[in-house]
Amino acid sequence: MKKTELKQIIKEEMRKILKEEYIETLDGKKDITNALEEISLAWLDWKTGPATEPSDIKPAQKELINFVIKFLKKNIK
């Protein structure tokens, strides 16, 4: 999965949680974007790492996305 594809998935999932118009008005929007990009970069590092098996990528992708969504639902109240 390419970085742009992962960003699109994250964007779609975030859109389900929050309306985009609210995100654009947040003072810390750049901080949020930077944090999501860090997650994306960490994912790409893991995905392209020497120990990563191709068969592990799809399940790990789903697990990471679910983890981020659960974390946000728990901590953004």
PDB file of N, CA and C in Angstrom:
ATOM      1  N   MET A   1       0.841  -1.174   0.000  1.00  0.00           N
ATOM      2  CA  MET A   1       0.000   0.000   0.000  1.00  0.00           C
ATOM      3  C   MET A   1       0.888   1.239   0.000  1.00  0.00           C
ATOM      4  N   LYS A   2       0.555   2.165  -0.848  1.00  0.00           N
ATOM      5  CA  LYS A   2       1.322   3.395  -0.961  1.00  0.00           C
ATOM      6  C   LYS A   2       0.915   4.362   0.141  1.00  0.00           C
ATOM      7  N   LYS A   3       1.822   5.307   0.407  1.00  0.00           N
ATOM      8  CA  LYS A   3       1.577   6.315   1.435  1.00  0.00           C
ATOM      9  C   LYS A   3       0.288   7.084   1.153  1.00  0.00           C
ATOM     10  N   THR A   4       0.050   7.410  -0.113  1.00  0.00           N
ATOM     11  CA  THR A   4      -1.167   8.159  -0.457  1.00  0.00           C
ATOM     12  C   THR A   4      -2.415   7.340  -0.187  1.00  0.00           C
ATOM     13  N   GLU A   5      -2.355   6.024  -0.402  1.00  0.00           N
ATOM     14  CA  GLU A   5      -3.503   5.163  -0.134  1.00  0.00           C
ATOM     15  C   GLU A   5      -3.796   5.114   1.359  1.00  0.00           C
ATOM     16  N   LEU A   6      -2.737   5.003   2.174  1.00  0.00           N
ATOM     17  CA  LEU A   6      -2.925   4.969   3.622  1.00  0.00           C
ATOM     18  C   LEU A   6      -3.493   6.294   4.118  1.00  0.00           C
ATOM     19  N   LYS A   7      -2.994   7.398   3.580  1.00  0.00           N
ATOM     20  CA  LYS A   7      -3.528   8.708   3.966  1.00  0.00           C
ATOM     21  C   LYS A   7      -5.013   8.801   3.624  1.00  0.00           C
ATOM     22  N   GLN A   8      -5.409   8.258   2.478  1.00  0.00           N
ATOM     23  CA  GLN A   8      -6.816   8.291   2.070  1.00  0.00           C
ATOM     24  C   GLN A   8      -7.677   7.466   3.021  1.00  0.00           C
ATOM     25  N   ILE A   9      -7.189   6.311   3.418  1.00  0.00           N
ATOM     26  CA  ILE A   9      -7.925   5.472   4.359  1.00  0.00           C
ATOM     27  C   ILE A   9      -8.098   6.195   5.685  1.00  0.00           C
ATOM     28  N   ILE A  10      -7.016   6.794   6.180  1.00  0.00           N
ATOM     29  CA  ILE A  10      -7.083   7.530   7.448  1.00  0.00           C
ATOM     30  C   ILE A  10      -8.065   8.691   7.322  1.00  0.00           C
ATOM     31  N   LYS A  11      -7.986   9.407   6.207  1.00  0.00           N
ATOM     32  CA  LYS A  11      -8.885  10.539   5.993  1.00  0.00           C
ATOM     33  C   LYS A  11     -10.344  10.093   5.987  1.00  0.00           C
ATOM     34  N   GLU A  12     -10.631   8.990   5.313  1.00  0.00           N
ATOM     35  CA  GLU A  12     -12.004   8.479   5.261  1.00  0.00           C
ATOM     36  C   GLU A  12     -12.489   8.053   6.642  1.00  0.00           C
ATOM     37  N   GLU A  13     -11.632   7.396   7.404  1.00  0.00           N
ATOM     38  CA  GLU A  13     -12.026   6.964   8.739  1.00  0.00           C
ATOM     39  C   GLU A  13     -12.238   8.166   9.662  1.00  0.00           C
ATOM     40  N   MET A  14     -11.368   9.159   9.555  1.00  0.00           N
ATOM     41  CA  MET A  14     -11.536  10.366  10.363  1.00  0.00           C
ATOM     42  C   MET A  14     -12.829  11.083   9.981  1.00  0.00           C
ATOM     43  N   ARG A  15     -13.167  11.070   8.700  1.00  0.00           N
ATOM     44  CA  ARG A  15     -14.391  11.720   8.237  1.00  0.00           C
ATOM     45  C   ARG A  15     -15.614  11.057   8.857  1.00  0.00           C
ATOM     46  N   LYS A  16     -15.531   9.755   9.093  1.00  0.00           N
ATOM     47  CA  LYS A  16     -16.630   9.043   9.732  1.00  0.00           C
ATOM     48  C   LYS A  16     -16.794   9.495  11.180  1.00  0.00           C
ATOM     49  N   ILE A  17     -15.680   9.843  11.817  1.00  0.00           N
ATOM     50  CA  ILE A  17     -15.708  10.230  13.223  1.00  0.00           C
ATOM     51  C   ILE A  17     -16.086  11.702  13.380  1.00  0.00           C
ATOM     52  N   LEU A  18     -15.460  12.550  12.583  1.00  0.00           N
ATOM     53  CA  LEU A  18     -15.674  13.990  12.702  1.00  0.00           C
ATOM     54  C   LEU A  18     -15.996  14.578  11.348  1.00  0.00           C
ATOM     55  N   LYS A  19     -16.818  15.600  11.337  1.00  0.00           N
ATOM     56  CA  LYS A  19     -17.081  16.294  10.084  1.00  0.00           C
ATOM     57  C   LYS A  19     -15.856  17.135   9.737  1.00  0.00           C
ATOM     58  N   GLU A  20     -15.468  17.103   8.489  1.00  0.00           N
ATOM     59  CA  GLU A  20     -14.258  17.787   8.057  1.00  0.00           C
ATOM     60  C   GLU A  20     -14.286  19.284   8.363  1.00  0.00           C
ATOM     61  N   GLU A  21     -15.442  19.887   8.332  1.00  0.00           N
ATOM     62  CA  GLU A  21     -15.524  21.324   8.587  1.00  0.00           C
ATOM     63  C   GLU A  21     -15.052  21.676   9.998  1.00  0.00           C
ATOM     64  N   TYR A  22     -15.214  20.780  10.954  1.00  0.00           N
ATOM     65  CA  TYR A  22     -14.754  21.045  12.314  1.00  0.00           C
ATOM     66  C   TYR A  22     -13.240  20.919  12.404  1.00  0.00           C
ATOM     67  N   ILE A  23     -12.671  19.950  11.725  1.00  0.00           N
ATOM     68  CA  ILE A  23     -11.222  19.755  11.737  1.00  0.00           C
ATOM     69  C   ILE A  23     -10.522  20.991  11.198  1.00  0.00           C
ATOM     70  N   GLU A  24     -11.068  21.574  10.138  1.00  0.00           N
ATOM     71  CA  GLU A  24     -10.433  22.731   9.522  1.00  0.00           C
ATOM     72  C   GLU A  24     -10.402  23.940  10.440  1.00  0.00           C
ATOM     73  N   THR A  25     -11.264  23.988  11.445  1.00  0.00           N
ATOM     74  CA  THR A  25     -11.282  25.129  12.352  1.00  0.00           C
ATOM     75  C   THR A  25     -10.462  24.903  13.617  1.00  0.00           C
ATOM     76  N   LEU A  26      -9.931  23.705  13.795  1.00  0.00           N
ATOM     77  CA  LEU A  26      -9.139  23.438  14.981  1.00  0.00           C
ATOM     78  C   LEU A  26      -7.816  24.196  14.939  1.00  0.00           C
ATOM     79  N   ASP A  27      -7.417  24.769  16.063  1.00  0.00           N
ATOM     80  CA  ASP A  27      -6.137  25.473  16.129  1.00  0.00           C
ATOM     81  C   ASP A  27      -4.969  24.528  15.895  1.00  0.00           C
ATOM     82  N   GLY A  28      -5.082  23.301  16.362  1.00  0.00           N
ATOM     83  CA  GLY A  28      -3.988  22.345  16.253  1.00  0.00           C
ATOM     84  C   GLY A  28      -4.059  21.468  15.026  1.00  0.00           C
ATOM     85  N   LYS A  29      -4.691  21.934  13.951  1.00  0.00           N
ATOM     86  CA  LYS A  29      -4.867  21.104  12.759  1.00  0.00           C
ATOM     87  C   LYS A  29      -3.537  20.581  12.238  1.00  0.00           C
ATOM     88  N   LYS A  30      -2.512  21.445  12.211  1.00  0.00           N
ATOM     89  CA  LYS A  30      -1.199  21.009  11.725  1.00  0.00           C
ATOM     90  C   LYS A  30      -0.622  19.936  12.631  1.00  0.00           C
ATOM     91  N   ASP A  31      -0.837  20.074  13.934  1.00  0.00           N
ATOM     92  CA  ASP A  31      -0.353  19.065  14.876  1.00  0.00           C
ATOM     93  C   ASP A  31      -1.029  17.724  14.617  1.00  0.00           C
ATOM     94  N   ILE A  32      -2.319  17.756  14.351  1.00  0.00           N
ATOM     95  CA  ILE A  32      -3.062  16.526  14.068  1.00  0.00           C
ATOM     96  C   ILE A  32      -2.568  15.896  12.774  1.00  0.00           C
ATOM     97  N   THR A  33      -2.397  16.718  11.754  1.00  0.00           N
ATOM     98  CA  THR A  33      -1.901  16.218  10.474  1.00  0.00           C
ATOM     99  C   THR A  33      -0.505  15.631  10.637  1.00  0.00           C
ATOM    100  N   ASN A  34       0.354  16.313  11.368  1.00  0.00           N
ATOM    101  CA  ASN A  34       1.718  15.810  11.590  1.00  0.00           C
ATOM    102  C   ASN A  34       1.696  14.480  12.332  1.00  0.00           C
ATOM    103  N   ALA A  35       0.836  14.357  13.327  1.00  0.00           N
ATOM    104  CA  ALA A  35       0.751  13.108  14.081  1.00  0.00           C
ATOM    105  C   ALA A  35       0.283  11.960  13.183  1.00  0.00           C
ATOM    106  N   LEU A  36      -0.704  12.225  12.341  1.00  0.00           N
ATOM    107  CA  LEU A  36      -1.192  11.188  11.423  1.00  0.00           C
ATOM    108  C   LEU A  36      -0.133  10.819  10.392  1.00  0.00           C
ATOM    109  N   GLU A  37       0.626  11.808   9.952  1.00  0.00           N
ATOM    110  CA  GLU A  37       1.708  11.519   9.009  1.00  0.00           C
ATOM    111  C   GLU A  37       2.799  10.679   9.669  1.00  0.00           C
ATOM    112  N   GLU A  38       3.055  10.920  10.944  1.00  0.00           N
ATOM    113  CA  GLU A  38       4.034  10.107  11.674  1.00  0.00           C
ATOM    114  C   GLU A  38       3.577   8.650  11.745  1.00  0.00           C
ATOM    115  N   ILE A  39       2.290   8.450  11.994  1.00  0.00           N
ATOM    116  CA  ILE A  39       1.747   7.089  12.002  1.00  0.00           C
ATOM    117  C   ILE A  39       1.923   6.461  10.626  1.00  0.00           C
ATOM    118  N   SER A  40       1.621   7.230   9.593  1.00  0.00           N
ATOM    119  CA  SER A  40       1.761   6.737   8.227  1.00  0.00           C
ATOM    120  C   SER A  40       3.210   6.361   7.913  1.00  0.00           C
ATOM    121  N   LEU A  41       4.146   7.179   8.316  1.00  0.00           N
ATOM    122  CA  LEU A  41       5.562   6.891   8.082  1.00  0.00           C
ATOM    123  C   LEU A  41       6.021   5.672   8.870  1.00  0.00           C
ATOM    124  N   ALA A  42       5.552   5.546  10.104  1.00  0.00           N
ATOM    125  CA  ALA A  42       5.901   4.370  10.909  1.00  0.00           C
ATOM    126  C   ALA A  42       5.347   3.109  10.250  1.00  0.00           C
ATOM    127  N   TRP A  43       4.136   3.210   9.721  1.00  0.00           N
ATOM    128  CA  TRP A  43       3.538   2.080   9.007  1.00  0.00           C
ATOM    129  C   TRP A  43       4.393   1.687   7.806  1.00  0.00           C
ATOM    130  N   LEU A  44       4.800   2.673   7.011  1.00  0.00           N
ATOM    131  CA  LEU A  44       5.608   2.387   5.831  1.00  0.00           C
ATOM    132  C   LEU A  44       6.947   1.774   6.200  1.00  0.00           C
ATOM    133  N   ASP A  45       7.551   2.245   7.296  1.00  0.00           N
ATOM    134  CA  ASP A  45       8.805   1.646   7.770  1.00  0.00           C
ATOM    135  C   ASP A  45       8.600   0.179   8.109  1.00  0.00           C
ATOM    136  N   TRP A  46       7.518  -0.104   8.830  1.00  0.00           N
ATOM    137  CA  TRP A  46       7.242  -1.496   9.200  1.00  0.00           C
ATOM    138  C   TRP A  46       6.946  -2.330   7.958  1.00  0.00           C
ATOM    139  N   LYS A  47       6.097  -1.796   7.091  1.00  0.00           N
ATOM    140  CA  LYS A  47       5.654  -2.534   5.911  1.00  0.00           C
ATOM    141  C   LYS A  47       6.813  -2.904   4.991  1.00  0.00           C
ATOM    142  N   THR A  48       7.773  -2.022   4.867  1.00  0.00           N
ATOM    143  CA  THR A  48       8.913  -2.264   3.979  1.00  0.00           C
ATOM    144  C   THR A  48      10.107  -2.871   4.699  1.00  0.00           C
ATOM    145  N   GLY A  49       9.933  -3.172   5.962  1.00  0.00           N
ATOM    146  CA  GLY A  49      11.024  -3.739   6.757  1.00  0.00           C
ATOM    147  C   GLY A  49      11.366  -5.164   6.347  1.00  0.00           C
ATOM    148  N   PRO A  50      12.564  -5.586   6.658  1.00  0.00           N
ATOM    149  CA  PRO A  50      13.023  -6.912   6.239  1.00  0.00           C
ATOM    150  C   PRO A  50      12.285  -8.071   6.912  1.00  0.00           C
ATOM    151  N   ALA A  51      11.694  -7.839   8.072  1.00  0.00           N
ATOM    152  CA  ALA A  51      11.021  -8.921   8.789  1.00  0.00           C
ATOM    153  C   ALA A  51       9.534  -9.022   8.449  1.00  0.00           C
ATOM    154  N   THR A  52       9.031  -8.095   7.648  1.00  0.00           N
ATOM    155  CA  THR A  52       7.611  -8.081   7.324  1.00  0.00           C
ATOM    156  C   THR A  52       7.297  -9.076   6.205  1.00  0.00           C
ATOM    157  N   GLU A  53       6.389  -9.966   6.497  1.00  0.00           N
ATOM    158  CA  GLU A  53       5.936 -10.944   5.506  1.00  0.00           C
ATOM    159  C   GLU A  53       4.753 -10.341   4.737  1.00  0.00           C
ATOM    160  N   PRO A  54       4.708 -10.524   3.431  1.00  0.00           N
ATOM    161  CA  PRO A  54       3.587  -9.978   2.652  1.00  0.00           C
ATOM    162  C   PRO A  54       2.207 -10.392   3.184  1.00  0.00           C
ATOM    163  N   SER A  55       2.114 -11.579   3.698  1.00  0.00           N
ATOM    164  CA  SER A  55       0.821 -12.060   4.208  1.00  0.00           C
ATOM    165  C   SER A  55       0.408 -11.347   5.503  1.00  0.00           C
ATOM    166  N   ASP A  56       1.342 -10.664   6.142  1.00  0.00           N
ATOM    167  CA  ASP A  56       1.037  -9.944   7.382  1.00  0.00           C
ATOM    168  C   ASP A  56       0.514  -8.530   7.139  1.00  0.00           C
ATOM    169  N   ILE A  57       0.672  -8.022   5.938  1.00  0.00           N
ATOM    170  CA  ILE A  57       0.390  -6.610   5.681  1.00  0.00           C
ATOM    171  C   ILE A  57      -1.088  -6.276   5.834  1.00  0.00           C
ATOM    172  N   LYS A  58      -1.968  -6.994   5.169  1.00  0.00           N
ATOM    173  CA  LYS A  58      -3.410  -6.679   5.250  1.00  0.00           C
ATOM    174  C   LYS A  58      -3.946  -6.791   6.676  1.00  0.00           C
ATOM    175  N   PRO A  59      -3.657  -7.889   7.398  1.00  0.00           N
ATOM    176  CA  PRO A  59      -4.163  -7.961   8.779  1.00  0.00           C
ATOM    177  C   PRO A  59      -3.579  -6.863   9.678  1.00  0.00           C
ATOM    178  N   ALA A  60      -2.317  -6.539   9.469  1.00  0.00           N
ATOM    179  CA  ALA A  60      -1.691  -5.485  10.281  1.00  0.00           C
ATOM    180  C   ALA A  60      -2.278  -4.123   9.945  1.00  0.00           C
ATOM    181  N   GLN A  61      -2.577  -3.903   8.679  1.00  0.00           N
ATOM    182  CA  GLN A  61      -3.203  -2.642   8.263  1.00  0.00           C
ATOM    183  C   GLN A  61      -4.550  -2.474   8.972  1.00  0.00           C
ATOM    184  N   LYS A  62      -5.347  -3.511   8.943  1.00  0.00           N
ATOM    185  CA  LYS A  62      -6.657  -3.465   9.590  1.00  0.00           C
ATOM    186  C   LYS A  62      -6.509  -3.241  11.097  1.00  0.00           C
ATOM    187  N   GLU A  63      -5.548  -3.928  11.705  1.00  0.00           N
ATOM    188  CA  GLU A  63      -5.318  -3.786  13.137  1.00  0.00           C
ATOM    189  C   GLU A  63      -4.896  -2.367  13.496  1.00  0.00           C
ATOM    190  N   LEU A  64      -3.996  -1.783  12.707  1.00  0.00           N
ATOM    191  CA  LEU A  64      -3.538  -0.421  12.975  1.00  0.00           C
ATOM    192  C   LEU A  64      -4.686   0.579  12.852  1.00  0.00           C
ATOM    193  N   ILE A  65      -5.453   0.469  11.786  1.00  0.00           N
ATOM    194  CA  ILE A  65      -6.575   1.395  11.592  1.00  0.00           C
ATOM    195  C   ILE A  65      -7.580   1.267  12.732  1.00  0.00           C
ATOM    196  N   ASN A  66      -7.909   0.041  13.121  1.00  0.00           N
ATOM    197  CA  ASN A  66      -8.832  -0.168  14.240  1.00  0.00           C
ATOM    198  C   ASN A  66      -8.267   0.383  15.544  1.00  0.00           C
ATOM    199  N   PHE A  67      -6.960   0.211  15.757  1.00  0.00           N
ATOM    200  CA  PHE A  67      -6.324   0.729  16.960  1.00  0.00           C
ATOM    201  C   PHE A  67      -6.442   2.254  17.018  1.00  0.00           C
ATOM    202  N   VAL A  68      -6.140   2.909  15.904  1.00  0.00           N
ATOM    203  CA  VAL A  68      -6.205   4.373  15.872  1.00  0.00           C
ATOM    204  C   VAL A  68      -7.635   4.845  16.107  1.00  0.00           C
ATOM    205  N   ILE A  69      -8.594   4.207  15.464  1.00  0.00           N
ATOM    206  CA  ILE A  69      -9.995   4.598  15.634  1.00  0.00           C
ATOM    207  C   ILE A  69     -10.439   4.412  17.086  1.00  0.00           C
ATOM    208  N   LYS A  70     -10.104   3.266  17.679  1.00  0.00           N
ATOM    209  CA  LYS A  70     -10.478   3.022  19.082  1.00  0.00           C
ATOM    210  C   LYS A  70      -9.809   4.031  20.006  1.00  0.00           C
ATOM    211  N   PHE A  71      -8.537   4.328  19.738  1.00  0.00           N
ATOM    212  CA  PHE A  71      -7.823   5.298  20.548  1.00  0.00           C
ATOM    213  C   PHE A  71      -8.510   6.661  20.478  1.00  0.00           C
ATOM    214  N   LEU A  72      -8.856   7.090  19.279  1.00  0.00           N
ATOM    215  CA  LEU A  72      -9.504   8.397  19.119  1.00  0.00           C
ATOM    216  C   LEU A  72     -10.869   8.416  19.779  1.00  0.00           C
ATOM    217  N   LYS A  73     -11.646   7.359  19.602  1.00  0.00           N
ATOM    218  CA  LYS A  73     -12.971   7.309  20.227  1.00  0.00           C
ATOM    219  C   LYS A  73     -12.880   7.358  21.751  1.00  0.00           C
ATOM    220  N   LYS A  74     -11.852   6.709  22.290  1.00  0.00           N
ATOM    221  CA  LYS A  74     -11.675   6.679  23.737  1.00  0.00           C
ATOM    222  C   LYS A  74     -11.189   8.016  24.286  1.00  0.00           C
ATOM    223  N   ASN A  75     -10.324   8.684  23.550  1.00  0.00           N
ATOM    224  CA  ASN A  75      -9.639   9.853  24.085  1.00  0.00           C
ATOM    225  C   ASN A  75     -10.178  11.199  23.609  1.00  0.00           C
ATOM    226  N   ILE A  76     -11.011  11.202  22.607  1.00  0.00           N
ATOM    227  CA  ILE A  76     -11.590  12.467  22.150  1.00  0.00           C
ATOM    228  C   ILE A  76     -13.043  12.485  22.586  1.00  0.00           C
ATOM    229  N   LYS A  77     -13.282  13.209  23.642  1.00  0.00           N
ATOM    230  CA  LYS A  77     -14.634  13.285  24.217  1.00  0.00           C
ATOM    231  C   LYS A  77     -15.033  14.714  24.398  1.00  0.00           C
TER     232      LYS A  77
END
